[in-house]
Amino acid sequence: MLLNKASYLDPRFHRLVHLKEEQRRQVQVAILEEMKQVNVAGGTGSNAAAGQPRDQQPAEKTALSAMGCLFGDTYCTDSPDQDISLLLQKEMSMYEQESPIPADQNPLM
């Protein structure tokens, strides 16, 4: 599952063509659940850790922070009326619709 998640997050291979539809769906659900965990741990737009502004918080690097970088502004919503699950699903849907970059291209570029 870990390698499939890594492949999904790589813009060269995010379509997971090497998996069956059911396996692709399992990966997508697992990624969505991890993104929700990142959102709960980091708050929705406010810095819940110590009530300090974001730029005054010590930078903590976690395994899940990479997804926060990947799906960026999705986590910066301050509107409690918006359901975070719907926002995350929308962001994932847009990511899945993007054309994969060539396999020989640097995914960080």
PDB file of N, CA and C in Angstrom:
ATOM      1  N   MET A   1       0.827  -1.197   0.000  1.00  0.00           N
ATOM      2  CA  MET A   1       0.000   0.000   0.000  1.00  0.00           C
ATOM      3  C   MET A   1       0.869   1.259   0.000  1.00  0.00           C
ATOM      4  N   LEU A   2       1.987   1.221   0.740  1.00  0.00           N
ATOM      5  CA  LEU A   2       2.860   2.388   0.817  1.00  0.00           C
ATOM      6  C   LEU A   2       3.387   2.777  -0.568  1.00  0.00           C
ATOM      7  N   LEU A   3       3.830   1.797  -1.338  1.00  0.00           N
ATOM      8  CA  LEU A   3       4.339   2.086  -2.681  1.00  0.00           C
ATOM      9  C   LEU A   3       3.233   2.595  -3.603  1.00  0.00           C
ATOM     10  N   ASN A   4       2.039   2.074  -3.441  1.00  0.00           N
ATOM     11  CA  ASN A   4       0.916   2.548  -4.257  1.00  0.00           C
ATOM     12  C   ASN A   4       0.556   3.985  -3.895  1.00  0.00           C
ATOM     13  N   LYS A   5       0.613   4.326  -2.617  1.00  0.00           N
ATOM     14  CA  LYS A   5       0.360   5.710  -2.194  1.00  0.00           C
ATOM     15  C   LYS A   5       1.427   6.634  -2.776  1.00  0.00           C
ATOM     16  N   ALA A   6       2.688   6.202  -2.710  1.00  0.00           N
ATOM     17  CA  ALA A   6       3.775   7.013  -3.257  1.00  0.00           C
ATOM     18  C   ALA A   6       3.582   7.215  -4.759  1.00  0.00           C
ATOM     19  N   SER A   7       3.165   6.179  -5.459  1.00  0.00           N
ATOM     20  CA  SER A   7       2.915   6.291  -6.896  1.00  0.00           C
ATOM     21  C   SER A   7       1.776   7.259  -7.168  1.00  0.00           C
ATOM     22  N   TYR A   8       0.748   7.213  -6.357  1.00  0.00           N
ATOM     23  CA  TYR A   8      -0.397   8.110  -6.531  1.00  0.00           C
ATOM     24  C   TYR A   8       0.022   9.569  -6.357  1.00  0.00           C
ATOM     25  N   LEU A   9       0.904   9.820  -5.426  1.00  0.00           N
ATOM     26  CA  LEU A   9       1.335  11.195  -5.154  1.00  0.00           C
ATOM     27  C   LEU A   9       2.383  11.693  -6.144  1.00  0.00           C
ATOM     28  N   ASP A  10       2.904  10.818  -6.978  1.00  0.00           N
ATOM     29  CA  ASP A  10       3.875  11.195  -8.003  1.00  0.00           C
ATOM     30  C   ASP A  10       3.102  11.577  -9.265  1.00  0.00           C
ATOM     31  N   PRO A  11       3.261  12.816  -9.747  1.00  0.00           N
ATOM     32  CA  PRO A  11       2.472  13.251 -10.910  1.00  0.00           C
ATOM     33  C   PRO A  11       2.780  12.495 -12.198  1.00  0.00           C
ATOM     34  N   ARG A  12       3.842  11.685 -12.197  1.00  0.00           N
ATOM     35  CA  ARG A  12       4.133  10.869 -13.379  1.00  0.00           C
ATOM     36  C   ARG A  12       3.276   9.613 -13.409  1.00  0.00           C
ATOM     37  N   PHE A  13       2.865   9.127 -12.241  1.00  0.00           N
ATOM     38  CA  PHE A  13       2.202   7.824 -12.158  1.00  0.00           C
ATOM     39  C   PHE A  13       0.878   7.853 -11.398  1.00  0.00           C
ATOM     40  N   HIS A  14       0.318   9.032 -11.182  1.00  0.00           N
ATOM     41  CA  HIS A  14      -0.855   9.154 -10.305  1.00  0.00           C
ATOM     42  C   HIS A  14      -2.112   8.442 -10.798  1.00  0.00           C
ATOM     43  N   ARG A  15      -2.119   8.022 -12.009  1.00  0.00           N
ATOM     44  CA  ARG A  15      -3.309   7.309 -12.519  1.00  0.00           C
ATOM     45  C   ARG A  15      -3.333   5.844 -12.115  1.00  0.00           C
ATOM     46  N   LEU A  16      -2.231   5.336 -11.599  1.00  0.00           N
ATOM     47  CA  LEU A  16      -2.150   3.964 -11.073  1.00  0.00           C
ATOM     48  C   LEU A  16      -2.662   2.931 -12.073  1.00  0.00           C
ATOM     49  N   VAL A  17      -2.199   3.028 -13.299  1.00  0.00           N
ATOM     50  CA  VAL A  17      -2.668   2.121 -14.347  1.00  0.00           C
ATOM     51  C   VAL A  17      -2.246   0.676 -14.106  1.00  0.00           C
ATOM     52  N   HIS A  18      -1.291   0.465 -13.220  1.00  0.00           N
ATOM     53  CA  HIS A  18      -0.825  -0.892 -12.920  1.00  0.00           C
ATOM     54  C   HIS A  18      -1.742  -1.615 -11.930  1.00  0.00           C
ATOM     55  N   LEU A  19      -2.747  -0.912 -11.413  1.00  0.00           N
ATOM     56  CA  LEU A  19      -3.664  -1.513 -10.434  1.00  0.00           C
ATOM     57  C   LEU A  19      -5.042  -1.722 -11.036  1.00  0.00           C
ATOM     58  N   LYS A  20      -5.777  -2.643 -10.448  1.00  0.00           N
ATOM     59  CA  LYS A  20      -7.179  -2.829 -10.805  1.00  0.00           C
ATOM     60  C   LYS A  20      -7.982  -1.684 -10.186  1.00  0.00           C
ATOM     61  N   GLU A  21      -9.180  -1.478 -10.704  1.00  0.00           N
ATOM     62  CA  GLU A  21     -10.024  -0.366 -10.252  1.00  0.00           C
ATOM     63  C   GLU A  21     -10.252  -0.396  -8.735  1.00  0.00           C
ATOM     64  N   GLU A  22     -10.531  -1.559  -8.192  1.00  0.00           N
ATOM     65  CA  GLU A  22     -10.763  -1.688  -6.745  1.00  0.00           C
ATOM     66  C   GLU A  22      -9.515  -1.299  -5.946  1.00  0.00           C
ATOM     67  N   GLN A  23      -8.354  -1.697  -6.423  1.00  0.00           N
ATOM     68  CA  GLN A  23      -7.107  -1.350  -5.743  1.00  0.00           C
ATOM     69  C   GLN A  23      -6.835   0.157  -5.825  1.00  0.00           C
ATOM     70  N   ARG A  24      -7.131   0.762  -6.983  1.00  0.00           N
ATOM     71  CA  ARG A  24      -6.974   2.214  -7.131  1.00  0.00           C
ATOM     72  C   ARG A  24      -7.865   2.938  -6.132  1.00  0.00           C
ATOM     73  N   ARG A  25      -9.076   2.461  -6.014  1.00  0.00           N
ATOM     74  CA  ARG A  25     -10.030   3.096  -5.085  1.00  0.00           C
ATOM     75  C   ARG A  25      -9.544   2.976  -3.649  1.00  0.00           C
ATOM     76  N   GLN A  26      -8.969   1.839  -3.281  1.00  0.00           N
ATOM     77  CA  GLN A  26      -8.440   1.666  -1.929  1.00  0.00           C
ATOM     78  C   GLN A  26      -7.319   2.656  -1.646  1.00  0.00           C
ATOM     79  N   VAL A  27      -6.461   2.875  -2.623  1.00  0.00           N
ATOM     80  CA  VAL A  27      -5.370   3.839  -2.465  1.00  0.00           C
ATOM     81  C   VAL A  27      -5.947   5.248  -2.294  1.00  0.00           C
ATOM     82  N   GLN A  28      -6.908   5.603  -3.122  1.00  0.00           N
ATOM     83  CA  GLN A  28      -7.512   6.928  -3.037  1.00  0.00           C
ATOM     84  C   GLN A  28      -8.178   7.157  -1.687  1.00  0.00           C
ATOM     85  N   VAL A  29      -8.883   6.158  -1.195  1.00  0.00           N
ATOM     86  CA  VAL A  29      -9.542   6.271   0.108  1.00  0.00           C
ATOM     87  C   VAL A  29      -8.500   6.414   1.215  1.00  0.00           C
ATOM     88  N   ALA A  30      -7.417   5.646   1.135  1.00  0.00           N
ATOM     89  CA  ALA A  30      -6.365   5.728   2.147  1.00  0.00           C
ATOM     90  C   ALA A  30      -5.716   7.114   2.148  1.00  0.00           C
ATOM     91  N   ILE A  31      -5.469   7.667   0.967  1.00  0.00           N
ATOM     92  CA  ILE A  31      -4.886   9.011   0.864  1.00  0.00           C
ATOM     93  C   ILE A  31      -5.858  10.041   1.428  1.00  0.00           C
ATOM     94  N   LEU A  32      -7.115   9.918   1.097  1.00  0.00           N
ATOM     95  CA  LEU A  32      -8.123  10.850   1.606  1.00  0.00           C
ATOM     96  C   LEU A  32      -8.177  10.815   3.131  1.00  0.00           C
ATOM     97  N   GLU A  33      -8.135   9.638   3.707  1.00  0.00           N
ATOM     98  CA  GLU A  33      -8.163   9.511   5.168  1.00  0.00           C
ATOM     99  C   GLU A  33      -6.925  10.145   5.799  1.00  0.00           C
ATOM    100  N   GLU A  34      -5.773   9.975   5.173  1.00  0.00           N
ATOM    101  CA  GLU A  34      -4.552  10.596   5.707  1.00  0.00           C
ATOM    102  C   GLU A  34      -4.629  12.110   5.612  1.00  0.00           C
ATOM    103  N   MET A  35      -5.213  12.616   4.539  1.00  0.00           N
ATOM    104  CA  MET A  35      -5.362  14.074   4.411  1.00  0.00           C
ATOM    105  C   MET A  35      -6.301  14.614   5.484  1.00  0.00           C
ATOM    106  N   LYS A  36      -7.340  13.862   5.798  1.00  0.00           N
ATOM    107  CA  LYS A  36      -8.247  14.278   6.871  1.00  0.00           C
ATOM    108  C   LYS A  36      -7.513  14.309   8.203  1.00  0.00           C
ATOM    109  N   GLN A  37      -6.635  13.334   8.439  1.00  0.00           N
ATOM    110  CA  GLN A  37      -5.856  13.304   9.673  1.00  0.00           C
ATOM    111  C   GLN A  37      -4.936  14.517   9.767  1.00  0.00           C
ATOM    112  N   VAL A  38      -4.330  14.891   8.661  1.00  0.00           N
ATOM    113  CA  VAL A  38      -3.470  16.069   8.635  1.00  0.00           C
ATOM    114  C   VAL A  38      -4.300  17.299   8.979  1.00  0.00           C
ATOM    115  N   ASN A  39      -5.486  17.374   8.419  1.00  0.00           N
ATOM    116  CA  ASN A  39      -6.360  18.514   8.666  1.00  0.00           C
ATOM    117  C   ASN A  39      -6.769  18.589  10.134  1.00  0.00           C
ATOM    118  N   VAL A  40      -7.120  17.463  10.733  1.00  0.00           N
ATOM    119  CA  VAL A  40      -7.528  17.441  12.139  1.00  0.00           C
ATOM    120  C   VAL A  40      -6.354  17.805  13.031  1.00  0.00           C
ATOM    121  N   ALA A  41      -5.182  17.268  12.729  1.00  0.00           N
ATOM    122  CA  ALA A  41      -3.996  17.533  13.547  1.00  0.00           C
ATOM    123  C   ALA A  41      -3.558  18.983  13.436  1.00  0.00           C
ATOM    124  N   GLY A  42      -3.726  19.581  12.262  1.00  0.00           N
ATOM    125  CA  GLY A  42      -3.248  20.943  12.054  1.00  0.00           C
ATOM    126  C   GLY A  42      -4.317  21.994  12.184  1.00  0.00           C
ATOM    127  N   GLY A  43      -5.563  21.611  12.394  1.00  0.00           N
ATOM    128  CA  GLY A  43      -6.639  22.587  12.452  1.00  0.00           C
ATOM    129  C   GLY A  43      -7.066  22.960  11.053  1.00  0.00           C
ATOM    130  N   THR A  44      -8.177  23.677  10.933  1.00  0.00           N
ATOM    131  CA  THR A  44      -8.657  24.108   9.625  1.00  0.00           C
ATOM    132  C   THR A  44      -8.446  25.596   9.495  1.00  0.00           C
ATOM    133  N   GLY A  45      -7.236  25.962   9.090  1.00  0.00           N
ATOM    134  CA  GLY A  45      -6.976  27.355   8.817  1.00  0.00           C
ATOM    135  C   GLY A  45      -6.435  28.120   9.997  1.00  0.00           C
ATOM    136  N   SER A  46      -6.684  27.698  11.209  1.00  0.00           N
ATOM    137  CA  SER A  46      -6.138  28.393  12.357  1.00  0.00           C
ATOM    138  C   SER A  46      -5.084  27.517  12.986  1.00  0.00           C
ATOM    139  N   ASN A  47      -4.201  28.110  13.739  1.00  0.00           N
ATOM    140  CA  ASN A  47      -3.156  27.320  14.362  1.00  0.00           C
ATOM    141  C   ASN A  47      -3.631  26.924  15.739  1.00  0.00           C
ATOM    142  N   ALA A  48      -4.180  25.748  15.838  1.00  0.00           N
ATOM    143  CA  ALA A  48      -4.802  25.283  17.067  1.00  0.00           C
ATOM    144  C   ALA A  48      -3.792  24.855  18.113  1.00  0.00           C
ATOM    145  N   ALA A  49      -2.540  24.642  17.725  1.00  0.00           N
ATOM    146  CA  ALA A  49      -1.550  24.114  18.659  1.00  0.00           C
ATOM    147  C   ALA A  49      -1.337  24.993  19.867  1.00  0.00           C
ATOM    148  N   ALA A  50      -1.099  26.283  19.670  1.00  0.00           N
ATOM    149  CA  ALA A  50      -0.811  27.142  20.814  1.00  0.00           C
ATOM    150  C   ALA A  50      -1.470  28.501  20.689  1.00  0.00           C
ATOM    151  N   GLY A  51      -2.365  28.661  19.731  1.00  0.00           N
ATOM    152  CA  GLY A  51      -3.030  29.929  19.556  1.00  0.00           C
ATOM    153  C   GLY A  51      -2.111  31.007  18.998  1.00  0.00           C
ATOM    154  N   GLN A  52      -0.980  30.627  18.432  1.00  0.00           N
ATOM    155  CA  GLN A  52      -0.041  31.574  17.865  1.00  0.00           C
ATOM    156  C   GLN A  52      -0.250  31.656  16.364  1.00  0.00           C
ATOM    157  N   PRO A  53       0.150  32.794  15.782  1.00  0.00           N
ATOM    158  CA  PRO A  53       0.099  32.867  14.314  1.00  0.00           C
ATOM    159  C   PRO A  53       0.998  31.822  13.696  1.00  0.00           C
ATOM    160  N   ARG A  54       0.694  31.453  12.459  1.00  0.00           N
ATOM    161  CA  ARG A  54       1.442  30.401  11.785  1.00  0.00           C
ATOM    162  C   ARG A  54       2.932  30.689  11.702  1.00  0.00           C
ATOM    163  N   ASP A  55       3.296  31.954  11.410  1.00  0.00           N
ATOM    164  CA  ASP A  55       4.708  32.250  11.217  1.00  0.00           C
ATOM    165  C   ASP A  55       5.500  32.222  12.522  1.00  0.00           C
ATOM    166  N   GLN A  56       4.844  32.140  13.675  1.00  0.00           N
ATOM    167  CA  GLN A  56       5.538  32.069  14.948  1.00  0.00           C
ATOM    168  C   GLN A  56       5.595  30.659  15.500  1.00  0.00           C
ATOM    169  N   GLN A  57       4.954  29.715  14.810  1.00  0.00           N
ATOM    170  CA  GLN A  57       4.964  28.324  15.251  1.00  0.00           C
ATOM    171  C   GLN A  57       6.278  27.675  14.861  1.00  0.00           C
ATOM    172  N   PRO A  58       6.845  26.826  15.713  1.00  0.00           N
ATOM    173  CA  PRO A  58       8.033  26.094  15.292  1.00  0.00           C
ATOM    174  C   PRO A  58       7.672  25.150  14.163  1.00  0.00           C
ATOM    175  N   ALA A  59       8.549  25.050  13.185  1.00  0.00           N
ATOM    176  CA  ALA A  59       8.285  24.189  12.029  1.00  0.00           C
ATOM    177  C   ALA A  59       8.500  22.741  12.424  1.00  0.00           C
ATOM    178  N   GLU A  60       7.447  21.947  12.302  1.00  0.00           N
ATOM    179  CA  GLU A  60       7.534  20.522  12.568  1.00  0.00           C
ATOM    180  C   GLU A  60       7.349  19.792  11.253  1.00  0.00           C
ATOM    181  N   LYS A  61       8.256  18.914  10.940  1.00  0.00           N
ATOM    182  CA  LYS A  61       8.155  18.119   9.730  1.00  0.00           C
ATOM    183  C   LYS A  61       7.643  16.736  10.113  1.00  0.00           C
ATOM    184  N   THR A  62       6.565  16.338   9.485  1.00  0.00           N
ATOM    185  CA  THR A  62       6.028  15.008   9.708  1.00  0.00           C
ATOM    186  C   THR A  62       5.861  14.326   8.359  1.00  0.00           C
ATOM    187  N   ALA A  63       5.616  13.049   8.416  1.00  0.00           N
ATOM    188  CA  ALA A  63       5.402  12.303   7.180  1.00  0.00           C
ATOM    189  C   ALA A  63       4.170  12.824   6.447  1.00  0.00           C
ATOM    190  N   LEU A  64       3.192  13.317   7.184  1.00  0.00           N
ATOM    191  CA  LEU A  64       1.966  13.784   6.563  1.00  0.00           C
ATOM    192  C   LEU A  64       2.074  15.218   6.072  1.00  0.00           C
ATOM    193  N   SER A  65       3.116  15.954   6.483  1.00  0.00           N
ATOM    194  CA  SER A  65       3.222  17.339   6.060  1.00  0.00           C
ATOM    195  C   SER A  65       3.440  17.455   4.556  1.00  0.00           C
ATOM    196  N   ALA A  66       3.977  16.424   3.938  1.00  0.00           N
ATOM    197  CA  ALA A  66       4.163  16.435   2.490  1.00  0.00           C
ATOM    198  C   ALA A  66       2.822  16.528   1.776  1.00  0.00           C
ATOM    199  N   MET A  67       1.812  15.865   2.316  1.00  0.00           N
ATOM    200  CA  MET A  67       0.489  15.955   1.696  1.00  0.00           C
ATOM    201  C   MET A  67      -0.082  17.347   1.888  1.00  0.00           C
ATOM    202  N   GLY A  68       0.220  17.969   3.025  1.00  0.00           N
ATOM    203  CA  GLY A  68      -0.220  19.345   3.238  1.00  0.00           C
ATOM    204  C   GLY A  68       0.373  20.263   2.193  1.00  0.00           C
ATOM    205  N   CYS A  69       1.630  20.026   1.832  1.00  0.00           N
ATOM    206  CA  CYS A  69       2.278  20.819   0.783  1.00  0.00           C
ATOM    207  C   CYS A  69       1.648  20.524  -0.571  1.00  0.00           C
ATOM    208  N   LEU A  70       1.384  19.254  -0.831  1.00  0.00           N
ATOM    209  CA  LEU A  70       0.829  18.858  -2.117  1.00  0.00           C
ATOM    210  C   LEU A  70      -0.565  19.431  -2.332  1.00  0.00           C
ATOM    211  N   PHE A  71      -1.393  19.360  -1.311  1.00  0.00           N
ATOM    212  CA  PHE A  71      -2.773  19.811  -1.437  1.00  0.00           C
ATOM    213  C   PHE A  71      -2.983  21.168  -0.780  1.00  0.00           C
ATOM    214  N   GLY A  72      -1.909  21.913  -0.573  1.00  0.00           N
ATOM    215  CA  GLY A  72      -1.806  23.264  -0.051  1.00  0.00           C
ATOM    216  C   GLY A  72      -3.035  23.973   0.457  1.00  0.00           C
ATOM    217  N   ASP A  73      -3.655  24.790  -0.378  1.00  0.00           N
ATOM    218  CA  ASP A  73      -4.710  25.701   0.056  1.00  0.00           C
ATOM    219  C   ASP A  73      -5.946  24.991   0.577  1.00  0.00           C
ATOM    220  N   THR A  74      -6.080  23.723   0.317  1.00  0.00           N
ATOM    221  CA  THR A  74      -7.222  22.981   0.833  1.00  0.00           C
ATOM    222  C   THR A  74      -7.262  23.046   2.347  1.00  0.00           C
ATOM    223  N   TYR A  75      -6.072  23.107   2.973  1.00  0.00           N
ATOM    224  CA  TYR A  75      -5.981  23.133   4.422  1.00  0.00           C
ATOM    225  C   TYR A  75      -6.071  24.533   5.000  1.00  0.00           C
ATOM    226  N   CYS A  76      -6.153  25.548   4.157  1.00  0.00           N
ATOM    227  CA  CYS A  76      -6.139  26.936   4.632  1.00  0.00           C
ATOM    228  C   CYS A  76      -7.518  27.559   4.639  1.00  0.00           C
ATOM    229  N   THR A  77      -8.531  26.786   4.631  1.00  0.00           N
ATOM    230  CA  THR A  77      -9.880  27.321   4.653  1.00  0.00           C
ATOM    231  C   THR A  77     -10.281  27.706   6.074  1.00  0.00           C
ATOM    232  N   ASP A  78     -10.842  28.904   6.228  1.00  0.00           N
ATOM    233  CA  ASP A  78     -11.266  29.371   7.532  1.00  0.00           C
ATOM    234  C   ASP A  78     -12.781  29.279   7.699  1.00  0.00           C
ATOM    235  N   SER A  79     -13.467  28.822   6.697  1.00  0.00           N
ATOM    236  CA  SER A  79     -14.919  28.771   6.732  1.00  0.00           C
ATOM    237  C   SER A  79     -15.404  27.477   7.370  1.00  0.00           C
ATOM    238  N   PRO A  80     -16.028  27.564   8.541  1.00  0.00           N
ATOM    239  CA  PRO A  80     -16.527  26.344   9.174  1.00  0.00           C
ATOM    240  C   PRO A  80     -17.710  25.744   8.433  1.00  0.00           C
ATOM    241  N   ASP A  81     -18.329  26.528   7.540  1.00  0.00           N
ATOM    242  CA  ASP A  81     -19.497  26.038   6.805  1.00  0.00           C
ATOM    243  C   ASP A  81     -19.115  25.032   5.729  1.00  0.00           C
ATOM    244  N   GLN A  82     -17.861  25.055   5.302  1.00  0.00           N
ATOM    245  CA  GLN A  82     -17.441  24.149   4.243  1.00  0.00           C
ATOM    246  C   GLN A  82     -17.012  22.822   4.850  1.00  0.00           C
ATOM    247  N   ASP A  83     -17.511  21.764   4.287  1.00  0.00           N
ATOM    248  CA  ASP A  83     -17.161  20.426   4.746  1.00  0.00           C
ATOM    249  C   ASP A  83     -15.799  20.063   4.172  1.00  0.00           C
ATOM    250  N   ILE A  84     -14.828  19.818   5.040  1.00  0.00           N
ATOM    251  CA  ILE A  84     -13.466  19.555   4.597  1.00  0.00           C
ATOM    252  C   ILE A  84     -13.392  18.305   3.727  1.00  0.00           C
ATOM    253  N   SER A  85     -14.219  17.323   3.999  1.00  0.00           N
ATOM    254  CA  SER A  85     -14.214  16.107   3.179  1.00  0.00           C
ATOM    255  C   SER A  85     -14.551  16.420   1.725  1.00  0.00           C
ATOM    256  N   LEU A  86     -15.518  17.273   1.519  1.00  0.00           N
ATOM    257  CA  LEU A  86     -15.893  17.641   0.152  1.00  0.00           C
ATOM    258  C   LEU A  86     -14.775  18.420  -0.527  1.00  0.00           C
ATOM    259  N   LEU A  87     -14.124  19.306   0.211  1.00  0.00           N
ATOM    260  CA  LEU A  87     -13.011  20.062  -0.356  1.00  0.00           C
ATOM    261  C   LEU A  87     -11.856  19.143  -0.735  1.00  0.00           C
ATOM    262  N   LEU A  88     -11.560  18.196   0.132  1.00  0.00           N
ATOM    263  CA  LEU A  88     -10.475  17.265  -0.157  1.00  0.00           C
ATOM    264  C   LEU A  88     -10.803  16.385  -1.354  1.00  0.00           C
ATOM    265  N   GLN A  89     -12.033  15.910  -1.431  1.00  0.00           N
ATOM    266  CA  GLN A  89     -12.438  15.080  -2.566  1.00  0.00           C
ATOM    267  C   GLN A  89     -12.372  15.877  -3.872  1.00  0.00           C
ATOM    268  N   LYS A  90     -12.756  17.134  -3.814  1.00  0.00           N
ATOM    269  CA  LYS A  90     -12.691  17.987  -5.001  1.00  0.00           C
ATOM    270  C   LYS A  90     -11.243  18.180  -5.432  1.00  0.00           C
ATOM    271  N   GLU A  91     -10.359  18.435  -4.471  1.00  0.00           N
ATOM    272  CA  GLU A  91      -8.941  18.615  -4.778  1.00  0.00           C
ATOM    273  C   GLU A  91      -8.345  17.341  -5.384  1.00  0.00           C
ATOM    274  N   MET A  92      -8.700  16.192  -4.814  1.00  0.00           N
ATOM    275  CA  MET A  92      -8.210  14.922  -5.353  1.00  0.00           C
ATOM    276  C   MET A  92      -8.746  14.691  -6.763  1.00  0.00           C
ATOM    277  N   SER A  93      -9.984  15.020  -6.992  1.00  0.00           N
ATOM    278  CA  SER A  93     -10.583  14.845  -8.314  1.00  0.00           C
ATOM    279  C   SER A  93      -9.865  15.703  -9.350  1.00  0.00           C
ATOM    280  N   MET A  94      -9.553  16.941  -9.000  1.00  0.00           N
ATOM    281  CA  MET A  94      -8.822  17.809  -9.927  1.00  0.00           C
ATOM    282  C   MET A  94      -7.425  17.250 -10.197  1.00  0.00           C
ATOM    283  N   TYR A  95      -6.769  16.737  -9.160  1.00  0.00           N
ATOM    284  CA  TYR A  95      -5.438  16.145  -9.307  1.00  0.00           C
ATOM    285  C   TYR A  95      -5.493  14.931 -10.228  1.00  0.00           C
ATOM    286  N   GLU A  96      -6.508  14.099 -10.073  1.00  0.00           N
ATOM    287  CA  GLU A  96      -6.639  12.889 -10.889  1.00  0.00           C
ATOM    288  C   GLU A  96      -6.927  13.209 -12.345  1.00  0.00           C
ATOM    289  N   GLN A  97      -7.552  14.343 -12.622  1.00  0.00           N
ATOM    290  CA  GLN A  97      -7.876  14.721 -13.991  1.00  0.00           C
ATOM    291  C   GLN A  97      -6.692  15.324 -14.733  1.00  0.00           C
ATOM    292  N   GLU A  98      -5.655  15.714 -13.988  1.00  0.00           N
ATOM    293  CA  GLU A  98      -4.464  16.267 -14.633  1.00  0.00           C
ATOM    294  C   GLU A  98      -3.767  15.186 -15.457  1.00  0.00           C
ATOM    295  N   SER A  99      -3.197  15.599 -16.566  1.00  0.00           N
ATOM    296  CA  SER A  99      -2.434  14.663 -17.393  1.00  0.00           C
ATOM    297  C   SER A  99      -1.124  14.338 -16.695  1.00  0.00           C
ATOM    298  N   PRO A 100      -0.729  13.091 -16.714  1.00  0.00           N
ATOM    299  CA  PRO A 100       0.561  12.735 -16.116  1.00  0.00           C
ATOM    300  C   PRO A 100       1.708  13.419 -16.869  1.00  0.00           C
ATOM    301  N   ILE A 101       2.758  13.759 -16.134  1.00  0.00           N
ATOM    302  CA  ILE A 101       3.930  14.329 -16.794  1.00  0.00           C
ATOM    303  C   ILE A 101       4.745  13.163 -17.346  1.00  0.00           C
ATOM    304  N   PRO A 102       5.634  13.424 -18.314  1.00  0.00           N
ATOM    305  CA  PRO A 102       6.456  12.327 -18.855  1.00  0.00           C
ATOM    306  C   PRO A 102       7.264  11.637 -17.765  1.00  0.00           C
ATOM    307  N   ALA A 103       7.435  10.335 -17.902  1.00  0.00           N
ATOM    308  CA  ALA A 103       8.112   9.539 -16.886  1.00  0.00           C
ATOM    309  C   ALA A 103       9.557   9.945 -16.676  1.00  0.00           C
ATOM    310  N   ASP A 104      10.188  10.549 -17.684  1.00  0.00           N
ATOM    311  CA  ASP A 104      11.578  10.951 -17.530  1.00  0.00           C
ATOM    312  C   ASP A 104      11.745  12.361 -16.983  1.00  0.00           C
ATOM    313  N   GLN A 105      10.632  13.028 -16.696  1.00  0.00           N
ATOM    314  CA  GLN A 105      10.671  14.393 -16.177  1.00  0.00           C
ATOM    315  C   GLN A 105      10.728  14.381 -14.650  1.00  0.00           C
ATOM    316  N   ASN A 106      11.357  15.382 -14.064  1.00  0.00           N
ATOM    317  CA  ASN A 106      11.488  15.501 -12.621  1.00  0.00           C
ATOM    318  C   ASN A 106      10.128  15.924 -12.030  1.00  0.00           C
ATOM    319  N   PRO A 107       9.524  15.111 -11.161  1.00  0.00           N
ATOM    320  CA  PRO A 107       8.210  15.461 -10.619  1.00  0.00           C
ATOM    321  C   PRO A 107       8.242  16.686  -9.698  1.00  0.00           C
ATOM    322  N   LEU A 108       9.406  17.044  -9.205  1.00  0.00           N
ATOM    323  CA  LEU A 108       9.521  18.213  -8.325  1.00  0.00           C
ATOM    324  C   LEU A 108       9.572  19.518  -9.099  1.00  0.00           C
ATOM    325  N   MET A 109       9.801  19.415 -10.388  1.00  0.00           N
ATOM    326  CA  MET A 109       9.847  20.614 -11.223  1.00  0.00           C
ATOM    327  C   MET A 109       8.448  20.948 -11.693  1.00  0.00           C
TER     328      MET A 109
END
